[in-house]
Amino acid sequence: MTGHEPIIEMRMNGLSPDCVYVHVLDTTPTYYPSTHPSLSLQNGFYAEIHITPRSGLTLDFRCLKGLVVHLMGSDRKRVMHVLRLIQQVEPSRVIASLPDQLIDSATMELDREAA
């Protein structure tokens, strides 16, 4: 998992991003200075967290508490696992985008959908 460090730093300083984009990636990307998720906010973009196949299954999403989260990925099983983990930290809203489904906590019960 990468990109969460600036979000934690903001939260520790009493700030929070408008929303966070969480990408569940199928491969580990090659990052360049302008594309690394840890520099997203600094470069004028939205906060991003990237989860690669190497990230493992125990991820700490406490920095997302109370925030709007846009979750996306193509591997349904992995995205749903990450969705369940994010739900545990009580974000204000989660919008999960899968190739064949959109899940929005504002309009449906996530626990039922994430099962």
N, C-alpha and C. Protein backbone atom coordinates (compact mmCIF):
# COMPACT_ATOMS: atom_id res chain seq x y z
N MET A 1 0.86 -1.17 0.00
CA MET A 1 0.00 0.00 0.00
C MET A 1 0.90 1.23 0.00
N THR A 2 0.60 2.14 -0.89
CA THR A 2 1.38 3.37 -0.96
C THR A 2 0.47 4.56 -1.22
N GLY A 3 0.87 5.71 -0.72
CA GLY A 3 0.09 6.92 -0.89
C GLY A 3 -0.63 7.37 0.37
N HIS A 4 -0.67 6.52 1.37
CA HIS A 4 -1.39 6.85 2.61
C HIS A 4 -0.61 7.81 3.52
N GLU A 5 0.70 7.88 3.34
CA GLU A 5 1.54 8.70 4.22
C GLU A 5 1.14 10.17 4.24
N PRO A 6 0.93 10.82 3.08
CA PRO A 6 0.53 12.23 3.13
C PRO A 6 -0.85 12.44 3.76
N ILE A 7 -1.72 11.45 3.63
CA ILE A 7 -3.05 11.55 4.24
C ILE A 7 -2.92 11.51 5.75
N ILE A 8 -2.10 10.61 6.24
CA ILE A 8 -1.86 10.51 7.69
C ILE A 8 -1.26 11.81 8.20
N GLU A 9 -0.29 12.36 7.46
CA GLU A 9 0.35 13.62 7.86
C GLU A 9 -0.68 14.76 7.92
N MET A 10 -1.54 14.84 6.92
CA MET A 10 -2.60 15.85 6.94
C MET A 10 -3.50 15.69 8.15
N ARG A 11 -3.93 14.45 8.41
CA ARG A 11 -4.84 14.19 9.52
C ARG A 11 -4.19 14.56 10.85
N MET A 12 -2.89 14.28 10.98
CA MET A 12 -2.18 14.62 12.21
C MET A 12 -2.07 16.13 12.40
N ASN A 13 -2.16 16.88 11.31
CA ASN A 13 -2.11 18.34 11.37
C ASN A 13 -3.51 18.96 11.40
N GLY A 14 -4.53 18.14 11.62
CA GLY A 14 -5.89 18.63 11.74
C GLY A 14 -6.58 18.92 10.42
N LEU A 15 -6.03 18.44 9.32
CA LEU A 15 -6.61 18.65 7.99
C LEU A 15 -7.07 17.31 7.42
N SER A 16 -7.85 17.38 6.36
CA SER A 16 -8.22 16.15 5.66
C SER A 16 -8.52 16.47 4.21
N PRO A 17 -8.24 15.54 3.32
CA PRO A 17 -8.56 15.77 1.90
C PRO A 17 -10.06 15.70 1.67
N ASP A 18 -10.52 16.30 0.57
CA ASP A 18 -11.94 16.25 0.22
C ASP A 18 -12.39 14.81 0.03
N CYS A 19 -11.56 14.03 -0.64
CA CYS A 19 -11.85 12.63 -0.87
C CYS A 19 -10.55 11.90 -1.16
N VAL A 20 -10.61 10.59 -1.14
CA VAL A 20 -9.43 9.77 -1.41
C VAL A 20 -9.80 8.72 -2.44
N TYR A 21 -8.95 8.57 -3.44
CA TYR A 21 -9.12 7.54 -4.47
C TYR A 21 -8.25 6.35 -4.10
N VAL A 22 -8.88 5.20 -3.91
CA VAL A 22 -8.15 3.97 -3.58
C VAL A 22 -8.20 3.07 -4.81
N HIS A 23 -7.03 2.79 -5.36
CA HIS A 23 -6.91 1.96 -6.56
C HIS A 23 -6.40 0.58 -6.17
N VAL A 24 -7.17 -0.45 -6.48
CA VAL A 24 -6.73 -1.83 -6.26
C VAL A 24 -6.16 -2.29 -7.60
N LEU A 25 -4.84 -2.28 -7.70
CA LEU A 25 -4.16 -2.53 -8.96
C LEU A 25 -3.89 -4.01 -9.19
N ASP A 26 -3.90 -4.41 -10.46
CA ASP A 26 -3.61 -5.80 -10.82
C ASP A 26 -2.12 -6.08 -10.93
N THR A 27 -1.34 -5.04 -11.18
CA THR A 27 0.12 -5.17 -11.29
C THR A 27 0.77 -4.04 -10.51
N THR A 28 2.05 -4.19 -10.26
CA THR A 28 2.80 -3.14 -9.58
C THR A 28 3.31 -2.16 -10.64
N PRO A 29 2.87 -0.90 -10.57
CA PRO A 29 3.27 0.06 -11.60
C PRO A 29 4.69 0.56 -11.42
N THR A 30 5.23 1.12 -12.47
CA THR A 30 6.48 1.85 -12.39
C THR A 30 6.11 3.30 -12.13
N TYR A 31 6.62 3.84 -11.05
CA TYR A 31 6.29 5.22 -10.69
C TYR A 31 7.38 6.17 -11.16
N TYR A 32 6.95 7.36 -11.52
CA TYR A 32 7.84 8.45 -11.85
C TYR A 32 7.53 9.56 -10.84
N PRO A 33 8.41 10.54 -10.68
CA PRO A 33 8.15 11.57 -9.66
C PRO A 33 6.77 12.22 -9.77
N SER A 34 6.29 12.42 -10.98
CA SER A 34 5.00 13.09 -11.12
C SER A 34 3.80 12.14 -11.00
N THR A 35 4.04 10.83 -10.95
CA THR A 35 2.93 9.88 -10.90
C THR A 35 2.82 9.11 -9.59
N HIS A 36 3.77 9.28 -8.70
CA HIS A 36 3.74 8.52 -7.44
C HIS A 36 2.57 9.00 -6.58
N PRO A 37 1.76 8.07 -6.05
CA PRO A 37 0.59 8.47 -5.25
C PRO A 37 0.94 9.28 -4.00
N SER A 38 2.14 9.12 -3.47
CA SER A 38 2.53 9.91 -2.30
C SER A 38 2.72 11.39 -2.63
N LEU A 39 2.85 11.70 -3.90
CA LEU A 39 3.04 13.08 -4.33
C LEU A 39 1.79 13.67 -4.98
N SER A 40 0.73 12.92 -5.01
CA SER A 40 -0.50 13.33 -5.67
C SER A 40 -1.01 14.67 -5.16
N LEU A 41 -1.14 14.82 -3.87
CA LEU A 41 -1.63 16.07 -3.28
C LEU A 41 -0.67 17.22 -3.56
N GLN A 42 0.59 16.94 -3.41
CA GLN A 42 1.62 17.96 -3.64
C GLN A 42 1.61 18.44 -5.09
N ASN A 43 1.24 17.56 -6.01
CA ASN A 43 1.18 17.91 -7.43
C ASN A 43 -0.16 18.50 -7.84
N GLY A 44 -1.05 18.74 -6.88
CA GLY A 44 -2.33 19.38 -7.17
C GLY A 44 -3.46 18.44 -7.54
N PHE A 45 -3.29 17.15 -7.27
CA PHE A 45 -4.32 16.17 -7.58
C PHE A 45 -5.00 15.70 -6.30
N TYR A 46 -5.97 14.79 -6.44
CA TYR A 46 -6.63 14.21 -5.29
C TYR A 46 -5.70 13.23 -4.58
N ALA A 47 -6.00 12.99 -3.32
CA ALA A 47 -5.24 12.01 -2.55
C ALA A 47 -5.49 10.61 -3.14
N GLU A 48 -4.44 9.84 -3.25
CA GLU A 48 -4.54 8.49 -3.81
C GLU A 48 -3.83 7.49 -2.92
N ILE A 49 -4.41 6.30 -2.87
CA ILE A 49 -3.75 5.15 -2.25
C ILE A 49 -3.75 4.05 -3.29
N HIS A 50 -2.60 3.46 -3.52
CA HIS A 50 -2.49 2.34 -4.45
C HIS A 50 -2.24 1.06 -3.68
N ILE A 51 -3.00 0.04 -4.02
CA ILE A 51 -2.83 -1.27 -3.41
C ILE A 51 -2.42 -2.22 -4.53
N THR A 52 -1.22 -2.74 -4.42
CA THR A 52 -0.70 -3.65 -5.43
C THR A 52 -0.89 -5.09 -4.97
N PRO A 53 -0.69 -6.06 -5.86
CA PRO A 53 -0.80 -7.46 -5.44
C PRO A 53 0.17 -7.82 -4.32
N ARG A 54 1.25 -7.07 -4.20
CA ARG A 54 2.25 -7.33 -3.14
C ARG A 54 1.89 -6.70 -1.80
N SER A 55 0.81 -5.94 -1.76
CA SER A 55 0.44 -5.22 -0.54
C SER A 55 0.00 -6.12 0.60
N GLY A 56 -0.35 -7.35 0.30
CA GLY A 56 -0.80 -8.26 1.34
C GLY A 56 -2.27 -8.05 1.68
N LEU A 57 -2.73 -8.74 2.70
CA LEU A 57 -4.15 -8.72 3.05
C LEU A 57 -4.45 -7.89 4.29
N THR A 58 -3.44 -7.55 5.08
CA THR A 58 -3.67 -6.77 6.29
C THR A 58 -3.27 -5.33 6.01
N LEU A 59 -4.24 -4.52 5.68
CA LEU A 59 -4.01 -3.13 5.32
C LEU A 59 -4.65 -2.23 6.37
N ASP A 60 -4.01 -1.12 6.67
CA ASP A 60 -4.48 -0.20 7.70
C ASP A 60 -5.09 1.03 7.03
N PHE A 61 -6.40 1.14 7.08
CA PHE A 61 -7.11 2.25 6.45
C PHE A 61 -7.64 3.26 7.45
N ARG A 62 -7.08 3.32 8.65
CA ARG A 62 -7.59 4.26 9.65
C ARG A 62 -7.55 5.71 9.19
N CYS A 63 -6.65 6.03 8.27
CA CYS A 63 -6.56 7.41 7.77
C CYS A 63 -7.80 7.80 6.97
N LEU A 64 -8.66 6.85 6.62
CA LEU A 64 -9.86 7.12 5.83
C LEU A 64 -11.11 7.37 6.67
N LYS A 65 -10.98 7.30 7.98
CA LYS A 65 -12.13 7.49 8.86
C LYS A 65 -12.78 8.84 8.58
N GLY A 66 -14.10 8.82 8.33
CA GLY A 66 -14.86 10.04 8.12
C GLY A 66 -14.70 10.68 6.75
N LEU A 67 -13.97 10.06 5.86
CA LEU A 67 -13.72 10.63 4.53
C LEU A 67 -14.57 9.97 3.46
N VAL A 68 -14.71 10.65 2.33
CA VAL A 68 -15.34 10.06 1.15
C VAL A 68 -14.27 9.28 0.41
N VAL A 69 -14.57 8.02 0.11
CA VAL A 69 -13.60 7.14 -0.53
C VAL A 69 -14.15 6.66 -1.86
N HIS A 70 -13.36 6.82 -2.90
CA HIS A 70 -13.67 6.27 -4.22
C HIS A 70 -12.76 5.05 -4.40
N LEU A 71 -13.35 3.89 -4.42
CA LEU A 71 -12.61 2.63 -4.51
C LEU A 71 -12.81 2.04 -5.90
N MET A 72 -11.72 1.64 -6.54
CA MET A 72 -11.87 1.06 -7.87
C MET A 72 -10.83 -0.02 -8.12
N GLY A 73 -11.22 -0.95 -8.98
CA GLY A 73 -10.34 -2.03 -9.37
C GLY A 73 -11.08 -3.00 -10.26
N SER A 74 -10.33 -3.89 -10.89
CA SER A 74 -10.96 -4.84 -11.81
C SER A 74 -11.11 -6.24 -11.22
N ASP A 75 -10.37 -6.54 -10.17
CA ASP A 75 -10.46 -7.86 -9.53
C ASP A 75 -11.52 -7.81 -8.42
N ARG A 76 -12.69 -8.32 -8.72
CA ARG A 76 -13.84 -8.22 -7.80
C ARG A 76 -13.51 -8.73 -6.40
N LYS A 77 -12.87 -9.86 -6.29
CA LYS A 77 -12.57 -10.45 -4.98
C LYS A 77 -11.67 -9.51 -4.16
N ARG A 78 -10.64 -8.98 -4.77
CA ARG A 78 -9.73 -8.08 -4.06
C ARG A 78 -10.41 -6.76 -3.70
N VAL A 79 -11.19 -6.21 -4.62
CA VAL A 79 -11.88 -4.95 -4.34
C VAL A 79 -12.87 -5.14 -3.20
N MET A 80 -13.61 -6.21 -3.19
CA MET A 80 -14.58 -6.45 -2.12
C MET A 80 -13.87 -6.66 -0.78
N HIS A 81 -12.71 -7.29 -0.78
CA HIS A 81 -11.93 -7.45 0.45
C HIS A 81 -11.52 -6.08 0.98
N VAL A 82 -11.00 -5.22 0.09
CA VAL A 82 -10.59 -3.88 0.49
C VAL A 82 -11.81 -3.08 0.95
N LEU A 83 -12.94 -3.23 0.30
CA LEU A 83 -14.17 -2.55 0.70
C LEU A 83 -14.54 -2.91 2.13
N ARG A 84 -14.49 -4.20 2.47
CA ARG A 84 -14.80 -4.62 3.84
C ARG A 84 -13.83 -4.00 4.85
N LEU A 85 -12.55 -3.93 4.50
CA LEU A 85 -11.56 -3.33 5.40
C LEU A 85 -11.83 -1.83 5.59
N ILE A 86 -12.15 -1.15 4.51
CA ILE A 86 -12.44 0.28 4.59
C ILE A 86 -13.69 0.53 5.42
N GLN A 87 -14.72 -0.30 5.25
CA GLN A 87 -15.95 -0.16 6.04
C GLN A 87 -15.68 -0.17 7.53
N GLN A 88 -14.71 -0.95 7.96
CA GLN A 88 -14.41 -1.10 9.38
C GLN A 88 -13.94 0.20 10.02
N VAL A 89 -13.39 1.13 9.23
CA VAL A 89 -12.87 2.38 9.80
C VAL A 89 -13.88 3.52 9.72
N GLU A 90 -15.10 3.24 9.25
CA GLU A 90 -16.21 4.18 9.22
C GLU A 90 -15.93 5.44 8.39
N PRO A 91 -15.73 5.26 7.08
CA PRO A 91 -15.63 6.44 6.22
C PRO A 91 -17.01 7.09 6.11
N SER A 92 -17.07 8.34 5.68
CA SER A 92 -18.39 8.97 5.56
C SER A 92 -19.17 8.41 4.37
N ARG A 93 -18.47 7.99 3.33
CA ARG A 93 -19.12 7.41 2.16
C ARG A 93 -18.09 6.63 1.36
N VAL A 94 -18.52 5.51 0.79
CA VAL A 94 -17.66 4.73 -0.10
C VAL A 94 -18.41 4.54 -1.42
N ILE A 95 -17.73 4.86 -2.50
CA ILE A 95 -18.26 4.60 -3.83
C ILE A 95 -17.28 3.64 -4.48
N ALA A 96 -17.71 2.40 -4.64
CA ALA A 96 -16.84 1.36 -5.19
C ALA A 96 -17.23 1.09 -6.64
N SER A 97 -16.26 1.16 -7.51
CA SER A 97 -16.50 0.95 -8.93
C SER A 97 -15.82 -0.34 -9.38
N LEU A 98 -16.65 -1.28 -9.82
CA LEU A 98 -16.18 -2.55 -10.37
C LEU A 98 -16.56 -2.58 -11.84
N PRO A 99 -15.96 -3.44 -12.64
CA PRO A 99 -16.30 -3.47 -14.07
C PRO A 99 -17.79 -3.67 -14.34
N ASP A 100 -18.48 -4.40 -13.47
CA ASP A 100 -19.89 -4.71 -13.72
C ASP A 100 -20.85 -4.18 -12.66
N GLN A 101 -20.36 -3.35 -11.74
CA GLN A 101 -21.21 -2.91 -10.64
C GLN A 101 -20.67 -1.63 -10.02
N LEU A 102 -21.59 -0.79 -9.55
CA LEU A 102 -21.25 0.38 -8.78
C LEU A 102 -21.91 0.24 -7.42
N ILE A 103 -21.15 0.36 -6.37
CA ILE A 103 -21.66 0.24 -5.01
C ILE A 103 -21.48 1.58 -4.32
N ASP A 104 -22.56 2.14 -3.81
CA ASP A 104 -22.51 3.45 -3.18
C ASP A 104 -23.14 3.34 -1.79
N SER A 105 -22.36 3.62 -0.78
CA SER A 105 -22.86 3.49 0.59
C SER A 105 -23.98 4.48 0.88
N ALA A 106 -24.12 5.54 0.09
CA ALA A 106 -25.18 6.51 0.31
C ALA A 106 -26.54 5.99 -0.15
N THR A 107 -26.54 4.98 -1.01
CA THR A 107 -27.81 4.50 -1.55
C THR A 107 -28.10 3.03 -1.28
N MET A 108 -27.14 2.31 -0.75
CA MET A 108 -27.41 0.89 -0.47
C MET A 108 -26.62 0.43 0.74
N GLU A 109 -27.06 -0.67 1.30
CA GLU A 109 -26.43 -1.26 2.47
C GLU A 109 -25.15 -1.98 2.04
N LEU A 110 -23.98 -1.48 2.45
CA LEU A 110 -22.72 -2.06 2.02
C LEU A 110 -22.49 -3.46 2.59
N ASP A 111 -22.92 -3.68 3.81
CA ASP A 111 -22.67 -4.99 4.40
C ASP A 111 -23.31 -6.10 3.57
N ARG A 112 -24.50 -5.87 3.06
CA ARG A 112 -25.18 -6.86 2.24
C ARG A 112 -24.44 -7.04 0.90
N GLU A 113 -24.06 -5.92 0.27
CA GLU A 113 -23.40 -5.97 -1.02
C GLU A 113 -21.98 -6.53 -0.92
N ALA A 114 -21.31 -6.27 0.17
CA ALA A 114 -19.90 -6.68 0.30
C ALA A 114 -19.77 -8.12 0.77
N ALA A 115 -20.86 -8.79 1.02
CA ALA A 115 -20.79 -10.17 1.52
C ALA A 115 -20.32 -11.14 0.46
